[in-house]
Amino acid sequence: MFTPCYSIEINCSVLYWTDWNNTDGETAIGRANLDGSGQIHMLRGLGKCGSITVDIVNKTYSRLYWVNYSKRRLETSELNGKKYFRKPAI
């Protein structure tokens, strides 16, 4: 059984996670406020993903990074799920 991965962005009080238990069988990348409100799945259908982390550079350029175990590659997006792209396969 897979345990979800979590990453916390303390400055904005936001929690990010990978979720392997979607009805479509694919991973979702989710986000919620630390009080539990505002839960959403930002990205879906990525394959089996985990090891998520937040890279805070500044307020205009910060990104999420995670490993896609199905495709054997590093993937990334902005903190809102936009500008998603994949690094070459390992």
N, C-alpha and C. Protein backbone atom coordinates (compact mmCIF):
# COMPACT_ATOMS: atom_id res chain seq x y z
N MET A 1 0.84 -1.19 0.00
CA MET A 1 0.00 0.00 0.00
C MET A 1 0.88 1.24 0.00
N PHE A 2 0.47 2.25 -0.75
CA PHE A 2 1.24 3.48 -0.87
C PHE A 2 0.81 4.49 0.17
N THR A 3 1.78 5.17 0.78
CA THR A 3 1.49 6.27 1.69
C THR A 3 1.66 7.57 0.93
N PRO A 4 0.67 8.48 1.00
CA PRO A 4 0.79 9.75 0.28
C PRO A 4 2.00 10.55 0.75
N CYS A 5 2.53 11.39 -0.13
CA CYS A 5 3.63 12.28 0.21
C CYS A 5 3.07 13.67 0.44
N TYR A 6 3.68 14.40 1.38
CA TYR A 6 3.20 15.73 1.73
C TYR A 6 4.35 16.72 1.70
N SER A 7 4.02 17.99 1.45
CA SER A 7 4.97 19.07 1.55
C SER A 7 4.21 20.30 2.02
N ILE A 8 4.78 21.04 2.97
CA ILE A 8 4.12 22.21 3.54
C ILE A 8 4.86 23.47 3.13
N GLU A 9 4.11 24.47 2.66
CA GLU A 9 4.65 25.78 2.37
C GLU A 9 4.19 26.68 3.52
N ILE A 10 5.04 26.85 4.51
CA ILE A 10 4.69 27.53 5.76
C ILE A 10 4.33 29.00 5.57
N ASN A 11 5.04 29.73 4.71
CA ASN A 11 4.79 31.16 4.55
C ASN A 11 3.37 31.46 4.09
N CYS A 12 2.78 30.57 3.30
CA CYS A 12 1.42 30.77 2.81
C CYS A 12 0.43 29.85 3.51
N SER A 13 0.90 29.05 4.48
CA SER A 13 0.05 28.12 5.24
C SER A 13 -0.70 27.16 4.33
N VAL A 14 0.01 26.53 3.41
CA VAL A 14 -0.59 25.62 2.44
C VAL A 14 0.10 24.26 2.52
N LEU A 15 -0.70 23.19 2.40
CA LEU A 15 -0.21 21.82 2.36
C LEU A 15 -0.44 21.27 0.95
N TYR A 16 0.56 20.62 0.37
CA TYR A 16 0.46 19.97 -0.93
C TYR A 16 0.65 18.48 -0.71
N TRP A 17 0.00 17.64 -1.52
CA TRP A 17 0.13 16.19 -1.37
C TRP A 17 -0.08 15.47 -2.69
N THR A 18 0.39 14.22 -2.73
CA THR A 18 0.08 13.32 -3.84
C THR A 18 -0.97 12.34 -3.34
N ASP A 19 -1.93 12.01 -4.19
CA ASP A 19 -3.05 11.14 -3.82
C ASP A 19 -3.17 10.03 -4.86
N TRP A 20 -2.87 8.79 -4.45
CA TRP A 20 -2.95 7.64 -5.36
C TRP A 20 -4.31 6.98 -5.31
N ASN A 21 -5.24 7.47 -4.53
CA ASN A 21 -6.51 6.79 -4.32
C ASN A 21 -7.68 7.43 -5.06
N ASN A 22 -7.44 8.02 -6.21
CA ASN A 22 -8.52 8.59 -7.01
C ASN A 22 -9.30 7.48 -7.69
N THR A 23 -10.53 7.76 -8.05
CA THR A 23 -11.38 6.77 -8.71
C THR A 23 -10.82 6.34 -10.07
N ASP A 24 -10.05 7.21 -10.73
CA ASP A 24 -9.49 6.85 -12.03
C ASP A 24 -8.19 6.06 -11.91
N GLY A 25 -7.72 5.82 -10.68
CA GLY A 25 -6.51 5.04 -10.47
C GLY A 25 -5.22 5.79 -10.74
N GLU A 26 -5.32 7.05 -11.06
CA GLU A 26 -4.14 7.87 -11.32
C GLU A 26 -3.91 8.85 -10.18
N THR A 27 -2.70 9.31 -10.06
CA THR A 27 -2.34 10.24 -9.00
C THR A 27 -2.92 11.63 -9.26
N ALA A 28 -3.29 12.29 -8.19
CA ALA A 28 -3.64 13.70 -8.23
C ALA A 28 -2.66 14.45 -7.34
N ILE A 29 -2.37 15.68 -7.69
CA ILE A 29 -1.61 16.58 -6.83
C ILE A 29 -2.64 17.51 -6.20
N GLY A 30 -2.70 17.51 -4.87
CA GLY A 30 -3.71 18.30 -4.17
C GLY A 30 -3.10 19.42 -3.35
N ARG A 31 -3.99 20.32 -2.94
CA ARG A 31 -3.57 21.48 -2.15
C ARG A 31 -4.70 21.84 -1.20
N ALA A 32 -4.35 22.29 0.01
CA ALA A 32 -5.33 22.76 0.99
C ALA A 32 -4.65 23.73 1.95
N ASN A 33 -5.45 24.56 2.57
CA ASN A 33 -4.95 25.42 3.63
C ASN A 33 -4.66 24.55 4.85
N LEU A 34 -3.79 25.00 5.73
CA LEU A 34 -3.41 24.20 6.89
C LEU A 34 -4.56 23.97 7.86
N ASP A 35 -5.63 24.78 7.78
CA ASP A 35 -6.81 24.54 8.63
C ASP A 35 -7.77 23.53 7.99
N GLY A 36 -7.40 22.96 6.83
CA GLY A 36 -8.21 21.96 6.15
C GLY A 36 -9.18 22.53 5.12
N SER A 37 -9.30 23.82 5.05
CA SER A 37 -10.22 24.42 4.08
C SER A 37 -9.55 24.52 2.70
N GLY A 38 -10.37 24.72 1.69
CA GLY A 38 -9.87 24.96 0.34
C GLY A 38 -9.22 23.77 -0.33
N GLN A 39 -9.65 22.56 -0.01
CA GLN A 39 -9.04 21.36 -0.61
C GLN A 39 -9.40 21.25 -2.09
N ILE A 40 -8.38 21.09 -2.93
CA ILE A 40 -8.61 20.89 -4.37
C ILE A 40 -7.55 19.93 -4.91
N HIS A 41 -7.87 19.26 -6.01
CA HIS A 41 -6.89 18.52 -6.79
C HIS A 41 -6.53 19.42 -7.96
N MET A 42 -5.29 19.84 -8.01
CA MET A 42 -4.84 20.78 -9.05
C MET A 42 -4.49 20.07 -10.34
N LEU A 43 -3.87 18.91 -10.23
CA LEU A 43 -3.43 18.14 -11.40
C LEU A 43 -3.90 16.70 -11.23
N ARG A 44 -4.36 16.08 -12.31
CA ARG A 44 -4.85 14.69 -12.28
C ARG A 44 -4.27 13.90 -13.43
N GLY A 45 -4.33 12.58 -13.28
CA GLY A 45 -3.95 11.69 -14.37
C GLY A 45 -2.48 11.71 -14.71
N LEU A 46 -1.62 11.83 -13.71
CA LEU A 46 -0.19 11.96 -13.95
C LEU A 46 0.56 10.64 -13.96
N GLY A 47 -0.05 9.57 -13.55
CA GLY A 47 0.67 8.33 -13.30
C GLY A 47 0.95 8.25 -11.81
N LYS A 48 1.75 7.29 -11.39
CA LYS A 48 2.05 7.12 -9.97
C LYS A 48 3.16 8.10 -9.55
N CYS A 49 2.80 9.10 -8.76
CA CYS A 49 3.73 10.15 -8.36
C CYS A 49 3.89 10.21 -6.85
N GLY A 50 5.02 10.72 -6.42
CA GLY A 50 5.29 10.90 -5.00
C GLY A 50 6.49 11.80 -4.81
N SER A 51 7.04 11.80 -3.60
CA SER A 51 8.23 12.59 -3.26
C SER A 51 8.05 14.06 -3.64
N ILE A 52 6.94 14.64 -3.26
CA ILE A 52 6.63 16.02 -3.62
C ILE A 52 7.36 16.99 -2.69
N THR A 53 7.81 18.09 -3.26
CA THR A 53 8.45 19.13 -2.46
C THR A 53 8.12 20.50 -3.05
N VAL A 54 8.23 21.52 -2.21
CA VAL A 54 7.98 22.90 -2.62
C VAL A 54 9.32 23.62 -2.66
N ASP A 55 9.57 24.32 -3.76
CA ASP A 55 10.77 25.14 -3.91
C ASP A 55 10.34 26.59 -3.90
N ILE A 56 10.60 27.28 -2.81
CA ILE A 56 10.21 28.68 -2.67
C ILE A 56 11.41 29.55 -3.04
N VAL A 57 11.32 30.19 -4.19
CA VAL A 57 12.37 31.10 -4.62
C VAL A 57 12.00 32.51 -4.21
N ASN A 58 10.84 32.95 -4.62
CA ASN A 58 10.27 34.23 -4.21
C ASN A 58 8.78 34.17 -4.53
N LYS A 59 8.06 35.25 -4.30
CA LYS A 59 6.60 35.21 -4.48
C LYS A 59 6.19 35.08 -5.94
N THR A 60 7.06 35.44 -6.87
CA THR A 60 6.67 35.35 -8.28
C THR A 60 7.19 34.09 -8.96
N TYR A 61 8.17 33.41 -8.37
CA TYR A 61 8.68 32.20 -9.00
C TYR A 61 8.94 31.14 -7.95
N SER A 62 7.94 30.33 -7.67
CA SER A 62 8.06 29.19 -6.77
C SER A 62 7.40 28.01 -7.45
N ARG A 63 7.91 26.79 -7.20
CA ARG A 63 7.42 25.62 -7.93
C ARG A 63 7.27 24.42 -7.03
N LEU A 64 6.41 23.51 -7.47
CA LEU A 64 6.31 22.16 -6.91
C LEU A 64 7.15 21.24 -7.78
N TYR A 65 7.78 20.26 -7.16
CA TYR A 65 8.51 19.22 -7.88
C TYR A 65 8.07 17.88 -7.31
N TRP A 66 7.96 16.87 -8.15
CA TRP A 66 7.63 15.52 -7.70
C TRP A 66 8.23 14.52 -8.68
N VAL A 67 8.30 13.27 -8.23
CA VAL A 67 8.81 12.19 -9.06
C VAL A 67 7.63 11.41 -9.61
N ASN A 68 7.62 11.18 -10.92
CA ASN A 68 6.63 10.33 -11.55
C ASN A 68 7.27 8.95 -11.69
N TYR A 69 6.88 8.03 -10.78
CA TYR A 69 7.48 6.70 -10.77
C TYR A 69 7.07 5.88 -11.98
N SER A 70 5.88 6.11 -12.52
CA SER A 70 5.43 5.38 -13.71
C SER A 70 6.28 5.71 -14.92
N LYS A 71 6.63 6.97 -15.08
CA LYS A 71 7.37 7.42 -16.26
C LYS A 71 8.86 7.59 -16.00
N ARG A 72 9.27 7.43 -14.72
CA ARG A 72 10.67 7.56 -14.31
C ARG A 72 11.24 8.92 -14.69
N ARG A 73 10.56 9.97 -14.22
CA ARG A 73 11.04 11.32 -14.52
C ARG A 73 10.62 12.31 -13.44
N LEU A 74 11.27 13.46 -13.43
CA LEU A 74 10.94 14.56 -12.54
C LEU A 74 9.92 15.44 -13.23
N GLU A 75 8.88 15.87 -12.50
CA GLU A 75 7.86 16.76 -13.06
C GLU A 75 7.71 17.96 -12.15
N THR A 76 7.21 19.05 -12.70
CA THR A 76 7.12 20.30 -11.96
C THR A 76 5.95 21.15 -12.45
N SER A 77 5.47 22.02 -11.58
CA SER A 77 4.45 23.00 -11.95
C SER A 77 4.58 24.19 -11.01
N GLU A 78 3.90 25.28 -11.36
CA GLU A 78 3.79 26.38 -10.42
C GLU A 78 2.95 25.91 -9.24
N LEU A 79 2.93 26.66 -8.15
CA LEU A 79 2.21 26.26 -6.95
C LEU A 79 0.70 26.16 -7.17
N ASN A 80 0.17 26.79 -8.20
CA ASN A 80 -1.26 26.71 -8.51
C ASN A 80 -1.58 25.60 -9.51
N GLY A 81 -0.58 24.82 -9.91
CA GLY A 81 -0.79 23.73 -10.86
C GLY A 81 -0.60 24.13 -12.31
N LYS A 82 -0.38 25.40 -12.57
CA LYS A 82 -0.19 25.86 -13.95
C LYS A 82 1.27 25.73 -14.35
N LYS A 83 1.52 25.87 -15.65
CA LYS A 83 2.86 25.75 -16.24
C LYS A 83 3.53 24.44 -15.82
N TYR A 84 2.79 23.35 -16.04
CA TYR A 84 3.27 21.99 -15.75
C TYR A 84 4.21 21.54 -16.86
N PHE A 85 5.34 20.97 -16.50
CA PHE A 85 6.19 20.35 -17.51
C PHE A 85 7.00 19.22 -16.90
N ARG A 86 7.57 18.41 -17.80
CA ARG A 86 8.29 17.20 -17.42
C ARG A 86 9.76 17.34 -17.79
N LYS A 87 10.59 16.83 -16.92
CA LYS A 87 12.02 16.72 -17.23
C LYS A 87 12.22 15.42 -18.01
N PRO A 88 13.28 15.27 -18.77
CA PRO A 88 13.51 14.02 -19.51
C PRO A 88 13.57 12.80 -18.59
N ALA A 89 13.23 11.66 -19.14
CA ALA A 89 13.25 10.41 -18.38
C ALA A 89 14.64 10.11 -17.86
N ILE A 90 14.69 9.48 -16.71
CA ILE A 90 15.98 9.17 -16.07
C ILE A 90 16.50 7.86 -16.63
